[in-house]
C-alpha atoms as a PDB file:
ATOM      1  CA  MET A   1    -160.163 109.316  51.748  1.00  0.00           C
ATOM      2  CA  ASN A   2    -158.120 106.730  52.861  1.00  0.00           C
ATOM      3  CA  GLN A   3    -154.723 107.390  51.157  1.00  0.00           C
ATOM      4  CA  LYS A   4    -152.605 110.405  52.326  1.00  0.00           C
ATOM      5  CA  THR A   5    -151.403 112.848  49.997  1.00  0.00           C
ATOM      6  CA  GLU A   6    -148.079 113.467  51.292  1.00  0.00           C
ATOM      7  CA  SER A   7    -148.337 117.244  49.474  1.00  0.00           C
ATOM      8  CA  LEU A   8    -151.063 117.728  51.354  1.00  0.00           C
ATOM      9  CA  VAL A   9    -150.851 119.882  54.465  1.00  0.00           C
ATOM     10  CA  ILE A  10    -154.529 121.592  56.549  1.00  0.00           C
ATOM     11  CA  VAL A  11    -153.464 124.551  58.669  1.00  0.00           C
ATOM     12  CA  ILE A  12    -156.187 124.521  61.619  1.00  0.00           C
ATOM     13  CA  LEU A  13    -157.365 127.567  63.280  1.00  0.00           C
ATOM     14  CA  ALA A  14    -157.914 126.877  67.096  1.00  0.00           C
ATOM     15  CA  ALA A  15    -157.058 130.642  67.949  1.00  0.00           C
ATOM     16  CA  GLY A  16    -160.477 131.608  69.527  1.00  0.00           C
ATOM     17  CA  LYS A  17    -161.463 133.109  72.363  1.00  0.00           C
ATOM     18  CA  GLY A  18    -165.217 131.837  72.229  1.00  0.00           C
ATOM     19  CA  THR A  19    -166.705 135.631  73.234  1.00  0.00           C
ATOM     20  CA  ARG A  20    -170.275 134.986  71.012  1.00  0.00           C
ATOM     21  CA  MET A  21    -170.446 131.731  72.732  1.00  0.00           C
ATOM     22  CA  ARG A  22    -170.310 133.619  76.146  1.00  0.00           C
ATOM     23  CA  SER A  23    -167.710 131.236  77.692  1.00  0.00           C
ATOM     24  CA  ASP A  24    -164.800 131.136  79.558  1.00  0.00           C
ATOM     25  CA  LYS A  25    -163.001 128.633  77.465  1.00  0.00           C
ATOM     26  CA  ALA A  26    -161.818 128.595  74.103  1.00  0.00           C
ATOM     27  CA  LYS A  27    -164.356 127.719  71.383  1.00  0.00           C
ATOM     28  CA  VAL A  28    -162.695 124.322  70.329  1.00  0.00           C
ATOM     29  CA  LEU A  29    -162.877 122.744  73.626  1.00  0.00           C
ATOM     30  CA  HIS A  30    -166.754 123.116  73.934  1.00  0.00           C
ATOM     31  CA  SER A  31    -167.960 119.316  73.750  1.00  0.00           C
ATOM     32  CA  VAL A  32    -169.632 118.159  70.270  1.00  0.00           C
ATOM     33  CA  CYS A  33    -170.721 114.413  70.857  1.00  0.00           C
ATOM     34  CA  GLY A  34    -169.164 114.147  74.622  1.00  0.00           C
ATOM     35  CA  ARG A  35    -165.797 115.366  72.154  1.00  0.00           C
ATOM     36  CA  PRO A  36    -163.575 118.580  72.301  1.00  0.00           C
ATOM     37  CA  MET A  37    -164.788 119.288  68.660  1.00  0.00           C
ATOM     38  CA  ILE A  38    -160.975 120.582  67.953  1.00  0.00           C
ATOM     39  CA  LEU A  39    -160.471 116.999  68.303  1.00  0.00           C
ATOM     40  CA  HIS A  40    -163.123 115.583  65.786  1.00  0.00           C
ATOM     41  CA  VAL A  41    -161.028 118.572  62.913  1.00  0.00           C
ATOM     42  CA  VAL A  42    -158.105 117.169  64.133  1.00  0.00           C
ATOM     43  CA  GLU A  43    -158.310 113.535  63.629  1.00  0.00           C
ATOM     44  CA  THR A  44    -159.736 113.962  60.255  1.00  0.00           C
ATOM     45  CA  ALA A  45    -157.223 116.393  59.069  1.00  0.00           C
ATOM     46  CA  VAL A  46    -154.650 113.860  60.052  1.00  0.00           C
ATOM     47  CA  GLU A  47    -156.764 110.903  58.109  1.00  0.00           C
ATOM     48  CA  MET A  48    -156.128 113.440  54.985  1.00  0.00           C
ATOM     49  CA  ALA A  49    -152.749 114.982  55.493  1.00  0.00           C
ATOM     50  CA  GLY A  50    -150.903 112.341  58.144  1.00  0.00           C
ATOM     51  CA  LYS A  51    -148.208 114.231  59.438  1.00  0.00           C
ATOM     52  CA  GLY A  52    -149.353 117.756  57.350  1.00  0.00           C
ATOM     53  CA  VAL A  53    -151.511 118.865  59.854  1.00  0.00           C
ATOM     54  CA  VAL A  54    -150.697 122.112  61.682  1.00  0.00           C
ATOM     55  CA  VAL A  55    -152.851 123.635  64.598  1.00  0.00           C
ATOM     56  CA  VAL A  56    -152.919 127.552  64.787  1.00  0.00           C
ATOM     57  CA  ILE A  57    -153.276 128.011  68.882  1.00  0.00           C
ATOM     58  CA  GLY A  58    -153.759 131.239  70.843  1.00  0.00           C
ATOM     59  CA  HIS A  59    -156.193 131.712  74.036  1.00  0.00           C
ATOM     60  CA  GLN A  60    -155.730 129.069  76.026  1.00  0.00           C
ATOM     61  CA  GLY A  61    -152.969 127.353  74.194  1.00  0.00           C
ATOM     62  CA  ASP A  62    -151.628 125.097  76.619  1.00  0.00           C
ATOM     63  CA  LYS A  63    -155.310 124.035  77.267  1.00  0.00           C
ATOM     64  CA  VAL A  64    -155.540 123.410  73.448  1.00  0.00           C
END
């Protein structure tokens, strides 16, 4: 997975409120292994697609 594919675009849906988590924090901002879970996903996507990564934000988008 070290070679980036120029035609690959990854869309990450990160607009959830996290209501089932019973939290005021957007679900993608919750910590996994000491870092916001969205960072794990974005870093993996960038490894695969380079600049072809789009993150769709909504709830608390300024913090995401």
